PDB file of N, CA and C in Angstrom:
ATOM      1  N   MET A   1     -38.538  65.415 -76.293  1.00  0.00           N
ATOM      2  CA  MET A   1     -37.644  64.293 -76.570  1.00  0.00           C
ATOM      3  C   MET A   1     -37.388  64.154 -78.063  1.00  0.00           C
ATOM      4  N   ALA A   2     -38.441  64.361 -78.875  1.00  0.00           N
ATOM      5  CA  ALA A   2     -38.290  64.241 -80.325  1.00  0.00           C
ATOM      6  C   ALA A   2     -37.351  65.306 -80.870  1.00  0.00           C
ATOM      7  N   VAL A   3     -37.388  66.492 -80.267  1.00  0.00           N
ATOM      8  CA  VAL A   3     -36.508  67.578 -80.711  1.00  0.00           C
ATOM      9  C   VAL A   3     -35.052  67.222 -80.442  1.00  0.00           C
ATOM     10  N   ILE A   4     -34.795  66.633 -79.291  1.00  0.00           N
ATOM     11  CA  ILE A   4     -33.426  66.230 -78.943  1.00  0.00           C
ATOM     12  C   ILE A   4     -32.934  65.156 -79.901  1.00  0.00           C
ATOM     13  N   ARG A   5     -33.766  64.171 -80.201  1.00  0.00           N
ATOM     14  CA  ARG A   5     -33.381  63.101 -81.123  1.00  0.00           C
ATOM     15  C   ARG A   5     -33.097  63.662 -82.516  1.00  0.00           C
ATOM     16  N   GLN A   6     -33.946  64.600 -82.980  1.00  0.00           N
ATOM     17  CA  GLN A   6     -33.745  65.195 -84.299  1.00  0.00           C
ATOM     18  C   GLN A   6     -32.432  65.975 -84.321  1.00  0.00           C
ATOM     19  N   ARG A   7     -32.136  66.697 -83.240  1.00  0.00           N
ATOM     20  CA  ARG A   7     -30.891  67.453 -83.164  1.00  0.00           C
ATOM     21  C   ARG A   7     -29.690  66.511 -83.188  1.00  0.00           C
ATOM     22  N   GLU A   8     -29.780  65.383 -82.453  1.00  0.00           N
ATOM     23  CA  GLU A   8     -28.693  64.401 -82.453  1.00  0.00           C
ATOM     24  C   GLU A   8     -28.464  63.840 -83.849  1.00  0.00           C
ATOM     25  N   GLU A   9     -29.533  63.589 -84.570  1.00  0.00           N
ATOM     26  CA  GLU A   9     -29.406  63.065 -85.935  1.00  0.00           C
ATOM     27  C   GLU A   9     -28.703  64.073 -86.834  1.00  0.00           C
ATOM     28  N   LEU A  10     -29.048  65.343 -86.697  1.00  0.00           N
ATOM     29  CA  LEU A  10     -28.401  66.370 -87.510  1.00  0.00           C
ATOM     30  C   LEU A  10     -26.934  66.512 -87.159  1.00  0.00           C
ATOM     31  N   LEU A  11     -26.620  66.489 -85.869  1.00  0.00           N
ATOM     32  CA  LEU A  11     -25.219  66.588 -85.461  1.00  0.00           C
ATOM     33  C   LEU A  11     -24.423  65.387 -85.938  1.00  0.00           C
ATOM     34  N   GLU A  12     -25.027  64.207 -85.886  1.00  0.00           N
ATOM     35  CA  GLU A  12     -24.345  62.991 -86.323  1.00  0.00           C
ATOM     36  C   GLU A  12     -24.011  63.083 -87.797  1.00  0.00           C
ATOM     37  N   ARG A  13     -24.842  63.687 -88.593  1.00  0.00           N
ATOM     38  CA  ARG A  13     -24.610  63.807 -90.033  1.00  0.00           C
ATOM     39  C   ARG A  13     -23.463  64.747 -90.358  1.00  0.00           C
ATOM     40  N   ARG A  14     -23.101  65.619 -89.433  1.00  0.00           N
ATOM     41  CA  ARG A  14     -22.099  66.643 -89.702  1.00  0.00           C
ATOM     42  C   ARG A  14     -20.677  66.186 -89.436  1.00  0.00           C
ATOM     43  N   GLN A  15     -20.498  64.929 -89.126  1.00  0.00           N
ATOM     44  CA  GLN A  15     -19.153  64.453 -88.860  1.00  0.00           C
ATOM     45  C   GLN A  15     -18.294  64.558 -90.114  1.00  0.00           C
ATOM     46  N   LYS A  16     -17.034  64.802 -89.906  1.00  0.00           N
ATOM     47  CA  LYS A  16     -16.095  64.955 -91.004  1.00  0.00           C
ATOM     48  C   LYS A  16     -16.022  63.672 -91.833  1.00  0.00           C
ATOM     49  N   VAL A  17     -16.064  63.828 -93.146  1.00  0.00           N
ATOM     50  CA  VAL A  17     -15.926  62.693 -94.058  1.00  0.00           C
ATOM     51  C   VAL A  17     -14.449  62.502 -94.340  1.00  0.00           C
ATOM     52  N   LEU A  18     -13.976  61.298 -94.156  1.00  0.00           N
ATOM     53  CA  LEU A  18     -12.562  61.012 -94.370  1.00  0.00           C
ATOM     54  C   LEU A  18     -12.287  60.729 -95.835  1.00  0.00           C
ATOM     55  N   ASP A  19     -11.206  61.306 -96.353  1.00  0.00           N
ATOM     56  CA  ASP A  19     -10.811  61.050 -97.725  1.00  0.00           C
ATOM     57  C   ASP A  19     -10.077  59.722 -97.856  1.00  0.00           C
ATOM     58  N   ASN A  20      -9.432  59.302 -96.794  1.00  0.00           N
ATOM     59  CA  ASN A  20      -8.624  58.100 -96.820  1.00  0.00           C
ATOM     60  C   ASN A  20      -9.419  56.941 -96.217  1.00  0.00           C
ATOM     61  N   THR A  21      -9.787  55.983 -97.060  1.00  0.00           N
ATOM     62  CA  THR A  21     -10.590  54.855 -96.569  1.00  0.00           C
ATOM     63  C   THR A  21      -9.788  53.938 -95.644  1.00  0.00           C
ATOM     64  N   ASP A  22      -8.447  54.032 -95.665  1.00  0.00           N
ATOM     65  CA  ASP A  22      -7.644  53.226 -94.742  1.00  0.00           C
ATOM     66  C   ASP A  22      -7.994  53.552 -93.292  1.00  0.00           C
ATOM     67  N   GLU A  23      -8.280  54.824 -93.028  1.00  0.00           N
ATOM     68  CA  GLU A  23      -8.661  55.219 -91.676  1.00  0.00           C
ATOM     69  C   GLU A  23     -10.034  54.656 -91.317  1.00  0.00           C
ATOM     70  N   LEU A  24     -10.922  54.553 -92.291  1.00  0.00           N
ATOM     71  CA  LEU A  24     -12.236  53.966 -92.048  1.00  0.00           C
ATOM     72  C   LEU A  24     -12.112  52.488 -91.705  1.00  0.00           C
ATOM     73  N   TRP A  25     -11.241  51.780 -92.412  1.00  0.00           N
ATOM     74  CA  TRP A  25     -11.064  50.346 -92.164  1.00  0.00           C
ATOM     75  C   TRP A  25     -10.643  50.089 -90.722  1.00  0.00           C
ATOM     76  N   GLN A  26      -9.882  50.991 -90.142  1.00  0.00           N
ATOM     77  CA  GLN A  26      -9.435  50.820 -88.755  1.00  0.00           C
ATOM     78  C   GLN A  26     -10.603  50.885 -87.775  1.00  0.00           C
ATOM     79  N   ASP A  27     -11.679  51.566 -88.162  1.00  0.00           N
ATOM     80  CA  ASP A  27     -12.832  51.715 -87.274  1.00  0.00           C
ATOM     81  C   ASP A  27     -13.830  50.568 -87.380  1.00  0.00           C
ATOM     82  N   LEU A  28     -13.627  49.653 -88.317  1.00  0.00           N
ATOM     83  CA  LEU A  28     -14.528  48.512 -88.465  1.00  0.00           C
ATOM     84  C   LEU A  28     -14.247  47.458 -87.399  1.00  0.00           C
ATOM     85  N   THR A  29     -15.280  46.719 -87.031  1.00  0.00           N
ATOM     86  CA  THR A  29     -15.077  45.570 -86.147  1.00  0.00           C
ATOM     87  C   THR A  29     -14.404  44.470 -86.970  1.00  0.00           C
ATOM     88  N   LEU A  30     -13.869  43.485 -86.299  1.00  0.00           N
ATOM     89  CA  LEU A  30     -13.211  42.391 -86.999  1.00  0.00           C
ATOM     90  C   LEU A  30     -14.182  41.675 -87.946  1.00  0.00           C
ATOM     91  N   ALA A  31     -15.401  41.453 -87.471  1.00  0.00           N
ATOM     92  CA  ALA A  31     -16.413  40.800 -88.305  1.00  0.00           C
ATOM     93  C   ALA A  31     -16.739  41.644 -89.535  1.00  0.00           C
ATOM     94  N   GLN A  32     -16.822  42.957 -89.361  1.00  0.00           N
ATOM     95  CA  GLN A  32     -17.093  43.841 -90.493  1.00  0.00           C
ATOM     96  C   GLN A  32     -15.939  43.819 -91.495  1.00  0.00           C
ATOM     97  N   LYS A  33     -14.714  43.721 -90.996  1.00  0.00           N
ATOM     98  CA  LYS A  33     -13.561  43.679 -91.899  1.00  0.00           C
ATOM     99  C   LYS A  33     -13.611  42.444 -92.789  1.00  0.00           C
ATOM    100  N   PHE A  34     -13.961  41.306 -92.218  1.00  0.00           N
ATOM    101  CA  PHE A  34     -14.064  40.082 -93.020  1.00  0.00           C
ATOM    102  C   PHE A  34     -15.155  40.215 -94.075  1.00  0.00           C
ATOM    103  N   SER A  35     -16.308  40.722 -93.674  1.00  0.00           N
ATOM    104  CA  SER A  35     -17.422  40.870 -94.610  1.00  0.00           C
ATOM    105  C   SER A  35     -17.107  41.906 -95.686  1.00  0.00           C
ATOM    106  N   ALA A  36     -16.540  43.015 -95.282  1.00  0.00           N
ATOM    107  CA  ALA A  36     -16.200  44.068 -96.244  1.00  0.00           C
ATOM    108  C   ALA A  36     -15.146  43.581 -97.229  1.00  0.00           C
ATOM    109  N   SER A  37     -14.220  42.792 -96.727  1.00  0.00           N
ATOM    110  CA  SER A  37     -13.184  42.246 -97.596  1.00  0.00           C
ATOM    111  C   SER A  37     -13.795  41.374 -98.696  1.00  0.00           C
ATOM    112  N   SER A  38     -14.799  40.586 -98.326  1.00  0.00           N
ATOM    113  CA  SER A  38     -15.441  39.746 -99.341  1.00  0.00           C
ATOM    114  C   SER A  38     -16.208  40.593-100.354  1.00  0.00           C
ATOM    115  N   LEU A  39     -16.810  41.692 -99.913  1.00  0.00           N
ATOM    116  CA  LEU A  39     -17.547  42.556-100.845  1.00  0.00           C
ATOM    117  C   LEU A  39     -16.616  43.321-101.785  1.00  0.00           C
ATOM    118  N   THR A  40     -15.414  43.652-101.318  1.00  0.00           N
ATOM    119  CA  THR A  40     -14.489  44.386-102.184  1.00  0.00           C
ATOM    120  C   THR A  40     -14.066  43.544-103.386  1.00  0.00           C
ATOM    121  N   GLN A  41     -14.149  42.233-103.263  1.00  0.00           N
ATOM    122  CA  GLN A  41     -13.829  41.358-104.402  1.00  0.00           C
ATOM    123  C   GLN A  41     -14.848  41.517-105.527  1.00  0.00           C
ATOM    124  N   PHE A  42     -16.023  42.059-105.196  1.00  0.00           N
ATOM    125  CA  PHE A  42     -17.066  42.280-106.190  1.00  0.00           C
ATOM    126  C   PHE A  42     -17.142  43.748-106.608  1.00  0.00           C
ATOM    127  N   GLY A  43     -16.163  44.540-106.196  1.00  0.00           N
ATOM    128  CA  GLY A  43     -16.099  45.939-106.621  1.00  0.00           C
ATOM    129  C   GLY A  43     -16.664  46.948-105.645  1.00  0.00           C
ATOM    130  N   TYR A  44     -17.104  46.507-104.480  1.00  0.00           N
ATOM    131  CA  TYR A  44     -17.644  47.445-103.487  1.00  0.00           C
ATOM    132  C   TYR A  44     -16.521  48.236-102.839  1.00  0.00           C
ATOM    133  N   LYS A  45     -16.828  49.475-102.488  1.00  0.00           N
ATOM    134  CA  LYS A  45     -15.878  50.336-101.790  1.00  0.00           C
ATOM    135  C   LYS A  45     -16.524  50.863-100.521  1.00  0.00           C
ATOM    136  N   LEU A  46     -15.739  50.927 -99.465  1.00  0.00           N
ATOM    137  CA  LEU A  46     -16.216  51.419 -98.180  1.00  0.00           C
ATOM    138  C   LEU A  46     -16.401  52.929 -98.270  1.00  0.00           C
ATOM    139  N   ASN A  47     -17.629  53.390 -98.040  1.00  0.00           N
ATOM    140  CA  ASN A  47     -17.930  54.824 -98.130  1.00  0.00           C
ATOM    141  C   ASN A  47     -17.843  55.520 -96.786  1.00  0.00           C
ATOM    142  N   PHE A  48     -18.546  54.974 -95.790  1.00  0.00           N
ATOM    143  CA  PHE A  48     -18.540  55.591 -94.469  1.00  0.00           C
ATOM    144  C   PHE A  48     -19.072  54.603 -93.445  1.00  0.00           C
ATOM    145  N   ILE A  49     -18.917  54.979 -92.190  1.00  0.00           N
ATOM    146  CA  ILE A  49     -19.421  54.178 -91.083  1.00  0.00           C
ATOM    147  C   ILE A  49     -20.419  55.040 -90.329  1.00  0.00           C
ATOM    148  N   ARG A  50     -21.562  54.493 -90.071  1.00  0.00           N
ATOM    149  CA  ARG A  50     -22.588  55.200 -89.312  1.00  0.00           C
ATOM    150  C   ARG A  50     -22.617  54.600 -87.922  1.00  0.00           C
ATOM    151  N   ASP A  51     -22.280  55.380 -86.924  1.00  0.00           N
ATOM    152  CA  ASP A  51     -22.236  54.914 -85.542  1.00  0.00           C
ATOM    153  C   ASP A  51     -23.209  55.764 -84.747  1.00  0.00           C
ATOM    154  N   PHE A  52     -24.435  55.268 -84.584  1.00  0.00           N
ATOM    155  CA  PHE A  52     -25.500  56.068 -84.013  1.00  0.00           C
ATOM    156  C   PHE A  52     -26.397  55.206 -83.146  1.00  0.00           C
ATOM    157  N   HIS A  53     -26.574  55.563 -81.903  1.00  0.00           N
ATOM    158  CA  HIS A  53     -27.435  54.843 -80.966  1.00  0.00           C
ATOM    159  C   HIS A  53     -27.114  53.346 -80.932  1.00  0.00           C
ATOM    160  N   ASP A  54     -25.870  53.018 -80.646  1.00  0.00           N
ATOM    161  CA  ASP A  54     -25.411  51.642 -80.495  1.00  0.00           C
ATOM    162  C   ASP A  54     -25.495  50.809 -81.775  1.00  0.00           C
ATOM    163  N   THR A  55     -25.581  51.465 -82.919  1.00  0.00           N
ATOM    164  CA  THR A  55     -25.462  50.737 -84.186  1.00  0.00           C
ATOM    165  C   THR A  55     -24.147  51.163 -84.818  1.00  0.00           C
ATOM    166  N   HIS A  56     -23.451  50.244 -85.333  1.00  0.00           N
ATOM    167  CA  HIS A  56     -22.156  50.504 -85.965  1.00  0.00           C
ATOM    168  C   HIS A  56     -22.244  49.863 -87.348  1.00  0.00           C
ATOM    169  N   VAL A  57     -22.713  50.620 -88.312  1.00  0.00           N
ATOM    170  CA  VAL A  57     -23.004  50.080 -89.634  1.00  0.00           C
ATOM    171  C   VAL A  57     -22.008  50.633 -90.648  1.00  0.00           C
ATOM    172  N   ALA A  58     -21.385  49.746 -91.394  1.00  0.00           N
ATOM    173  CA  ALA A  58     -20.495  50.142 -92.474  1.00  0.00           C
ATOM    174  C   ALA A  58     -21.311  50.184 -93.761  1.00  0.00           C
ATOM    175  N   VAL A  59     -21.137  51.256 -94.534  1.00  0.00           N
ATOM    176  CA  VAL A  59     -21.884  51.431 -95.773  1.00  0.00           C
ATOM    177  C   VAL A  59     -20.896  51.380 -96.938  1.00  0.00           C
ATOM    178  N   LEU A  60     -21.167  50.460 -97.861  1.00  0.00           N
ATOM    179  CA  LEU A  60     -20.325  50.278 -99.037  1.00  0.00           C
ATOM    180  C   LEU A  60     -21.172  50.483-100.288  1.00  0.00           C
ATOM    181  N   SER A  61     -20.515  50.813-101.386  1.00  0.00           N
ATOM    182  CA  SER A  61     -21.251  50.959-102.639  1.00  0.00           C
ATOM    183  C   SER A  61     -20.446  50.409-103.796  1.00  0.00           C
ATOM    184  N   CYS A  62     -21.193  50.000-104.810  1.00  0.00           N
ATOM    185  CA  CYS A  62     -20.622  49.534-106.072  1.00  0.00           C
ATOM    186  C   CYS A  62     -21.561  50.049-107.158  1.00  0.00           C
ATOM    187  N   ASN A  63     -21.094  51.021-107.914  1.00  0.00           N
ATOM    188  CA  ASN A  63     -21.941  51.713-108.887  1.00  0.00           C
ATOM    189  C   ASN A  63     -23.150  52.282-108.155  1.00  0.00           C
ATOM    190  N   ASP A  64     -24.351  51.860-108.489  1.00  0.00           N
ATOM    191  CA  ASP A  64     -25.553  52.365-107.827  1.00  0.00           C
ATOM    192  C   ASP A  64     -26.090  51.413-106.764  1.00  0.00           C
ATOM    193  N   THR A  65     -25.344  50.373-106.444  1.00  0.00           N
ATOM    194  CA  THR A  65     -25.772  49.378-105.473  1.00  0.00           C
ATOM    195  C   THR A  65     -25.154  49.686-104.114  1.00  0.00           C
ATOM    196  N   ILE A  66     -25.980  49.649-103.089  1.00  0.00           N
ATOM    197  CA  ILE A  66     -25.533  49.920-101.724  1.00  0.00           C
ATOM    198  C   ILE A  66     -25.589  48.624-100.919  1.00  0.00           C
ATOM    199  N   ALA A  67     -24.608  48.433-100.059  1.00  0.00           N
ATOM    200  CA  ALA A  67     -24.599  47.304 -99.128  1.00  0.00           C
ATOM    201  C   ALA A  67     -24.224  47.849 -97.754  1.00  0.00           C
ATOM    202  N   VAL A  68     -24.818  47.283 -96.726  1.00  0.00           N
ATOM    203  CA  VAL A  68     -24.453  47.657 -95.360  1.00  0.00           C
ATOM    204  C   VAL A  68     -24.010  46.409 -94.612  1.00  0.00           C
ATOM    205  N   ILE A  69     -23.115  46.630 -93.671  1.00  0.00           N
ATOM    206  CA  ILE A  69     -22.606  45.529 -92.857  1.00  0.00           C
ATOM    207  C   ILE A  69     -22.835  45.895 -91.396  1.00  0.00           C
ATOM    208  N   SER A  70     -23.534  45.026 -90.686  1.00  0.00           N
ATOM    209  CA  SER A  70     -23.828  45.265 -89.271  1.00  0.00           C
ATOM    210  C   SER A  70     -22.568  45.080 -88.436  1.00  0.00           C
ATOM    211  N   LYS A  71     -22.675  45.454 -87.182  1.00  0.00           N
ATOM    212  CA  LYS A  71     -21.567  45.319 -86.236  1.00  0.00           C
ATOM    213  C   LYS A  71     -21.083  43.876 -86.148  1.00  0.00           C
ATOM    214  N   GLY A  72     -22.011  42.927 -86.300  1.00  0.00           N
ATOM    215  CA  GLY A  72     -21.671  41.512 -86.226  1.00  0.00           C
ATOM    216  C   GLY A  72     -21.182  40.919 -87.534  1.00  0.00           C
ATOM    217  N   GLY A  73     -21.132  41.733 -88.592  1.00  0.00           N
ATOM    218  CA  GLY A  73     -20.604  41.265 -89.871  1.00  0.00           C
ATOM    219  C   GLY A  73     -21.656  40.790 -90.852  1.00  0.00           C
ATOM    220  N   GLU A  74     -22.934  40.947 -90.528  1.00  0.00           N
ATOM    221  CA  GLU A  74     -23.995  40.515 -91.436  1.00  0.00           C
ATOM    222  C   GLU A  74     -24.127  41.501 -92.594  1.00  0.00           C
ATOM    223  N   ILE A  75     -24.128  40.983 -93.806  1.00  0.00           N
ATOM    224  CA  ILE A  75     -24.207  41.801 -95.017  1.00  0.00           C
ATOM    225  C   ILE A  75     -25.657  41.898 -95.472  1.00  0.00           C
ATOM    226  N   ASN A  76     -26.072  43.118 -95.788  1.00  0.00           N
ATOM    227  CA  ASN A  76     -27.399  43.357 -96.350  1.00  0.00           C
ATOM    228  C   ASN A  76     -27.192  44.121 -97.657  1.00  0.00           C
ATOM    229  N   THR A  77     -27.479  43.470 -98.774  1.00  0.00           N
ATOM    230  CA  THR A  77     -27.287  44.110-100.075  1.00  0.00           C
ATOM    231  C   THR A  77     -28.534  44.831-100.571  1.00  0.00           C
ATOM    232  N   HIS A  78     -29.587  44.795 -99.788  1.00  0.00           N
ATOM    233  CA  HIS A  78     -30.817  45.526-100.124  1.00  0.00           C
ATOM    234  C   HIS A  78     -31.311  46.290 -98.896  1.00  0.00           C
ATOM    235  N   PRO A  79     -30.461  47.196 -98.381  1.00  0.00           N
ATOM    236  CA  PRO A  79     -30.846  47.909 -97.159  1.00  0.00           C
ATOM    237  C   PRO A  79     -31.894  48.982 -97.434  1.00  0.00           C
ATOM    238  N   ASN A  80     -32.620  49.320 -96.407  1.00  0.00           N
ATOM    239  CA  ASN A  80     -33.574  50.410 -96.478  1.00  0.00           C
ATOM    240  C   ASN A  80     -32.849  51.675 -96.010  1.00  0.00           C
ATOM    241  N   ILE A  81     -32.001  52.200 -96.878  1.00  0.00           N
ATOM    242  CA  ILE A  81     -31.176  53.342 -96.532  1.00  0.00           C
ATOM    243  C   ILE A  81     -31.133  54.293 -97.719  1.00  0.00           C
ATOM    244  N   LYS A  82     -31.142  55.577 -97.425  1.00  0.00           N
ATOM    245  CA  LYS A  82     -31.028  56.584 -98.481  1.00  0.00           C
ATOM    246  C   LYS A  82     -29.761  57.359 -98.229  1.00  0.00           C
ATOM    247  N   ILE A  83     -28.984  57.537 -99.268  1.00  0.00           N
ATOM    248  CA  ILE A  83     -27.719  58.262 -99.149  1.00  0.00           C
ATOM    249  C   ILE A  83     -27.851  59.592 -99.872  1.00  0.00           C
ATOM    250  N   ARG A  84     -27.495  60.639 -99.158  1.00  0.00           N
ATOM    251  CA  ARG A  84     -27.535  61.964 -99.763  1.00  0.00           C
ATOM    252  C   ARG A  84     -26.396  62.124-100.751  1.00  0.00           C
ATOM    253  N   SER A  85     -26.642  62.867-101.791  1.00  0.00           N
ATOM    254  CA  SER A  85     -25.593  63.126-102.796  1.00  0.00           C
ATOM    255  C   SER A  85     -24.672  64.227-102.367  1.00  0.00           C
TER     256      SER A  85
END
């Protein structure tokens, strides 16, 4: 079971990265759009959306600061997340 989960995680990471953030905005929930809109006023930019095992998390960044927005629109400006370069 652990091997299958690890394989799923690797496959999930290989999804195509979109150059156009407008397409990413279309994939956000309505609650995420409201929250992301408020963060963009502080300089945050939408980087990607992680949709894995019933989690739909939007990841935004501003300089070296990362913020995530849950499916319900809750903002976490100190997430326990590591982003690969």
